C-alpha atoms as a PDB file:
ATOM      1  CA  MET A   1     165.080 104.675  59.174  1.00  0.00           C
ATOM      2  CA  PRO A   2     165.323 104.456  62.962  1.00  0.00           C
ATOM      3  CA  VAL A   3     162.322 105.355  65.101  1.00  0.00           C
ATOM      4  CA  LYS A   4     162.948 108.126  67.553  1.00  0.00           C
ATOM      5  CA  LEU A   5     161.093 107.721  70.873  1.00  0.00           C
ATOM      6  CA  GLY A   6     160.597 110.576  73.287  1.00  0.00           C
ATOM      7  CA  SER A   7     158.743 113.792  73.848  1.00  0.00           C
ATOM      8  CA  LYS A   8     158.476 116.399  71.141  1.00  0.00           C
ATOM      9  CA  LEU A   9     158.390 119.107  73.811  1.00  0.00           C
ATOM     10  CA  ALA A  10     161.505 120.885  74.866  1.00  0.00           C
ATOM     11  CA  PRO A  11     162.966 119.518  78.116  1.00  0.00           C
ATOM     12  CA  GLU A  12     162.406 122.802  80.001  1.00  0.00           C
ATOM     13  CA  SER A  13     158.629 122.781  79.238  1.00  0.00           C
ATOM     14  CA  ALA A  14     158.045 119.130  80.108  1.00  0.00           C
ATOM     15  CA  GLU A  15     155.978 119.855  83.228  1.00  0.00           C
ATOM     16  CA  ALA A  16     152.645 118.087  83.860  1.00  0.00           C
ATOM     17  CA  ARG A  17     149.461 119.815  82.617  1.00  0.00           C
ATOM     18  CA  ILE A  18     145.835 119.179  83.360  1.00  0.00           C
ATOM     19  CA  GLU A  19     143.513 119.644  80.414  1.00  0.00           C
ATOM     20  CA  ILE A  20     140.425 121.406  81.799  1.00  0.00           C
ATOM     21  CA  ILE A  21     138.086 121.204  78.781  1.00  0.00           C
ATOM     22  CA  PRO A  22     137.459 117.421  79.092  1.00  0.00           C
ATOM     23  CA  LEU A  23     136.865 117.851  82.840  1.00  0.00           C
ATOM     24  CA  ILE A  24     134.215 120.501  82.185  1.00  0.00           C
ATOM     25  CA  ASP A  25     132.504 118.188  79.669  1.00  0.00           C
ATOM     26  CA  ILE A  26     132.459 115.357  82.195  1.00  0.00           C
ATOM     27  CA  MET A  27     131.030 117.617  84.915  1.00  0.00           C
ATOM     28  CA  PHE A  28     128.212 118.826  82.633  1.00  0.00           C
ATOM     29  CA  PHE A  29     127.401 115.212  81.742  1.00  0.00           C
ATOM     30  CA  LEU A  30     127.292 114.210  85.426  1.00  0.00           C
ATOM     31  CA  LEU A  31     125.120 117.223  86.276  1.00  0.00           C
ATOM     32  CA  ALA A  32     122.632 116.348  83.530  1.00  0.00           C
ATOM     33  CA  ALA A  33     122.605 112.664  84.551  1.00  0.00           C
ATOM     34  CA  PHE A  34     121.913 113.473  88.229  1.00  0.00           C
ATOM     35  CA  MET A  35     119.158 115.912  87.282  1.00  0.00           C
ATOM     36  CA  LEU A  36     117.410 113.328  85.093  1.00  0.00           C
ATOM     37  CA  VAL A  37     117.687 110.627  87.752  1.00  0.00           C
ATOM     38  CA  SER A  38     116.367 112.896  90.508  1.00  0.00           C
ATOM     39  CA  LEU A  39     113.405 113.988  88.352  1.00  0.00           C
ATOM     40  CA  SER A  40     112.498 110.376  87.630  1.00  0.00           C
ATOM     41  CA  MET A  41     112.468 109.592  91.362  1.00  0.00           C
ATOM     42  CA  VAL A  42     109.714 112.119  92.136  1.00  0.00           C
ATOM     43  CA  SER A  43     106.518 110.358  93.158  1.00  0.00           C
ATOM     44  CA  LEU A  44     103.223 112.167  92.845  1.00  0.00           C
ATOM     45  CA  LYS A  45     100.657 111.810  95.575  1.00  0.00           C
ATOM     46  CA  VAL A  46      97.509 112.347  93.523  1.00  0.00           C
ATOM     47  CA  MET A  47      95.395 110.062  91.383  1.00  0.00           C
ATOM     48  CA  LYS A  48      95.272 110.601  87.612  1.00  0.00           C
ATOM     49  CA  MET A  49      92.104 112.582  86.948  1.00  0.00           C
ATOM     50  CA  ASN A  50      90.324 114.328  84.103  1.00  0.00           C
ATOM     51  CA  LEU A  51      90.401 117.799  85.703  1.00  0.00           C
ATOM     52  CA  PRO A  52      88.038 120.652  84.870  1.00  0.00           C
ATOM     53  CA  THR A  53      89.597 123.773  83.352  1.00  0.00           C
ATOM     54  CA  ALA A  54      89.823 127.440  84.359  1.00  0.00           C
ATOM     55  CA  THR A  55      91.430 130.278  82.430  1.00  0.00           C
ATOM     56  CA  THR A  56      92.505 132.221  85.530  1.00  0.00           C
ATOM     57  CA  SER A  57      94.330 129.402  87.281  1.00  0.00           C
ATOM     58  CA  THR A  58      97.807 129.539  88.794  1.00  0.00           C
ATOM     59  CA  SER A  59      99.956 126.592  89.740  1.00  0.00           C
ATOM     60  CA  GLU A  60     100.904 126.148  93.366  1.00  0.00           C
ATOM     61  CA  THR A  61     103.432 123.721  94.781  1.00  0.00           C
ATOM     62  CA  GLN A  62     103.564 123.111  98.512  1.00  0.00           C
ATOM     63  CA  LYS A  63     104.817 120.139 100.505  1.00  0.00           C
ATOM     64  CA  ASP A  64     102.567 120.543 103.548  1.00  0.00           C
ATOM     65  CA  PHE A  65      99.370 119.293 101.989  1.00  0.00           C
ATOM     66  CA  ALA A  66      97.188 116.233 101.835  1.00  0.00           C
ATOM     67  CA  ALA A  67      95.941 115.262  98.395  1.00  0.00           C
ATOM     68  CA  LEU A  68      92.273 114.243  98.308  1.00  0.00           C
ATOM     69  CA  SER A  69      90.922 112.851  95.052  1.00  0.00           C
ATOM     70  CA  VAL A  70      87.383 111.989  93.999  1.00  0.00           C
ATOM     71  CA  ASP A  71      86.974 109.836  90.894  1.00  0.00           C
ATOM     72  CA  LYS A  72      83.990 109.848  88.569  1.00  0.00           C
ATOM     73  CA  ASN A  73      82.365 106.954  90.465  1.00  0.00           C
ATOM     74  CA  GLY A  74      82.522 108.823  93.787  1.00  0.00           C
ATOM     75  CA  GLY A  75      85.528 106.916  95.163  1.00  0.00           C
ATOM     76  CA  VAL A  76      87.628 108.939  97.609  1.00  0.00           C
ATOM     77  CA  PHE A  77      91.431 108.684  97.760  1.00  0.00           C
ATOM     78  CA  LEU A  78      93.875 110.191 100.251  1.00  0.00           C
ATOM     79  CA  ASP A  79      97.367 110.319  98.699  1.00  0.00           C
ATOM     80  CA  GLN A  80      96.361 107.595  96.199  1.00  0.00           C
ATOM     81  CA  LYS A  81      94.989 105.277  98.905  1.00  0.00           C
ATOM     82  CA  PRO A  82      91.261 104.470  98.708  1.00  0.00           C
ATOM     83  CA  MET A  83      89.452 105.537 101.864  1.00  0.00           C
ATOM     84  CA  ALA A  84      86.021 105.116 103.374  1.00  0.00           C
ATOM     85  CA  ASP A  85      84.425 108.137 105.057  1.00  0.00           C
ATOM     86  CA  HIS A  86      85.313 107.161 108.631  1.00  0.00           C
ATOM     87  CA  GLU A  87      88.903 106.260 107.632  1.00  0.00           C
ATOM     88  CA  LEU A  88      89.307 109.572 105.817  1.00  0.00           C
ATOM     89  CA  GLY A  89      88.068 111.557 108.806  1.00  0.00           C
ATOM     90  CA  ALA A  90      90.393 109.720 111.188  1.00  0.00           C
ATOM     91  CA  ALA A  91      93.381 110.079 108.863  1.00  0.00           C
ATOM     92  CA  LEU A  92      92.807 113.810 108.326  1.00  0.00           C
ATOM     93  CA  THR A  93      92.361 114.384 112.075  1.00  0.00           C
ATOM     94  CA  GLU A  94      95.652 112.591 112.748  1.00  0.00           C
ATOM     95  CA  MET A  95      97.440 114.574 110.027  1.00  0.00           C
ATOM     96  CA  LYS A  96      96.026 117.809 111.485  1.00  0.00           C
ATOM     97  CA  LYS A  97      97.397 116.895 114.927  1.00  0.00           C
ATOM     98  CA  LYS A  98     100.883 116.425 113.427  1.00  0.00           C
ATOM     99  CA  ASN A  99     100.767 119.600 111.314  1.00  0.00           C
ATOM    100  CA  ALA A 100      98.660 122.528 112.499  1.00  0.00           C
ATOM    101  CA  ASN A 101      99.073 124.285 109.124  1.00  0.00           C
ATOM    102  CA  LEU A 102      97.896 121.301 107.103  1.00  0.00           C
ATOM    103  CA  ARG A 103      96.342 122.165 103.767  1.00  0.00           C
ATOM    104  CA  VAL A 104      94.132 119.933 101.670  1.00  0.00           C
ATOM    105  CA  LEU A 105      94.232 119.834  97.879  1.00  0.00           C
ATOM    106  CA  VAL A 106      90.990 118.409  96.488  1.00  0.00           C
ATOM    107  CA  SER A 107      91.041 117.124  92.916  1.00  0.00           C
ATOM    108  CA  GLY A 108      87.811 115.863  91.476  1.00  0.00           C
ATOM    109  CA  ASP A 109      87.271 114.192  88.152  1.00  0.00           C
ATOM    110  CA  ASN A 110      85.470 116.346  85.591  1.00  0.00           C
ATOM    111  CA  ASP A 111      82.630 113.788  85.611  1.00  0.00           C
ATOM    112  CA  ALA A 112      82.455 113.507  89.423  1.00  0.00           C
ATOM    113  CA  LYS A 113      79.218 114.507  91.137  1.00  0.00           C
ATOM    114  CA  HIS A 114      79.204 117.855  92.892  1.00  0.00           C
ATOM    115  CA  GLY A 115      77.775 116.225  96.010  1.00  0.00           C
ATOM    116  CA  ALA A 116      80.743 113.863  96.312  1.00  0.00           C
ATOM    117  CA  LEU A 117      83.169 116.795  96.293  1.00  0.00           C
ATOM    118  CA  ILE A 118      81.124 118.698  98.893  1.00  0.00           C
ATOM    119  CA  HIS A 119      80.997 115.545 101.052  1.00  0.00           C
ATOM    120  CA  VAL A 120      84.804 115.280 100.978  1.00  0.00           C
ATOM    121  CA  LEU A 121      85.078 118.987 101.775  1.00  0.00           C
ATOM    122  CA  ASP A 122      82.714 118.491 104.729  1.00  0.00           C
ATOM    123  CA  ILE A 123      84.846 115.621 106.086  1.00  0.00           C
ATOM    124  CA  ALA A 124      87.946 117.819 105.865  1.00  0.00           C
ATOM    125  CA  ARG A 125      86.184 120.669 107.674  1.00  0.00           C
ATOM    126  CA  ARG A 126      85.021 118.293 110.450  1.00  0.00           C
ATOM    127  CA  ALA A 127      88.673 117.266 110.899  1.00  0.00           C
ATOM    128  CA  GLY A 128      89.483 120.920 111.642  1.00  0.00           C
ATOM    129  CA  ILE A 129      91.131 121.741 108.316  1.00  0.00           C
ATOM    130  CA  ASP A 130      90.297 125.227 107.062  1.00  0.00           C
ATOM    131  CA  LYS A 131      92.878 125.577 104.304  1.00  0.00           C
ATOM    132  CA  VAL A 132      91.368 123.816 101.295  1.00  0.00           C
ATOM    133  CA  ALA A 133      92.170 124.310  97.616  1.00  0.00           C
ATOM    134  CA  PHE A 134      90.659 122.714  94.520  1.00  0.00           C
ATOM    135  CA  GLU A 135      92.970 121.445  91.790  1.00  0.00           C
ATOM    136  CA  ILE A 136      92.053 122.458  88.257  1.00  0.00           C
ATOM    137  CA  ARG A 137      93.715 122.273  84.867  1.00  0.00           C
ATOM    138  CA  SER A 138      94.817 125.457  83.123  1.00  0.00           C
ATOM    139  CA  GLY A 139      92.645 126.589  80.208  1.00  0.00           C
ATOM    140  CA  LYS A 140      95.728 126.437  77.951  1.00  0.00           C
ATOM    141  CA  GLU A 141      95.862 122.645  78.328  1.00  0.00           C
ATOM    142  CA  VAL A 142      92.404 121.984  76.870  1.00  0.00           C
ATOM    143  CA  THR A 143      92.682 119.319  74.163  1.00  0.00           C
ATOM    144  CA  LYS A 144      89.061 118.842  73.075  1.00  0.00           C
END
């Protein structure tokens, strides 16, 4: 039996077609891939802390802030960099000169001394920063 080569379509309907369903699948895959890659590239500016909890907390995301962290040993960090008191004051003063609306987000370890947090707050106030917020963990995230 001879093999017949050629199109099974009629000659008048032999125009080129673009199948759109595979293109949509590819676009969704690329969208998901770019979203995952961009989320993995986000770098956080705060130290990992054991935060205290509050049931009336709300989350706030803002880019114009400096992240101050106090660990349980009283160590102070500005955007994950350890700082001494005089370095912290100078750095906050310089940041305040660059951004007049600078806000400070203070996160203190649950076991940190109250005095260490007040000391950091005092340094920020001496640098001329009035907009200060304290980072806490939502009461829903308690795992004890």
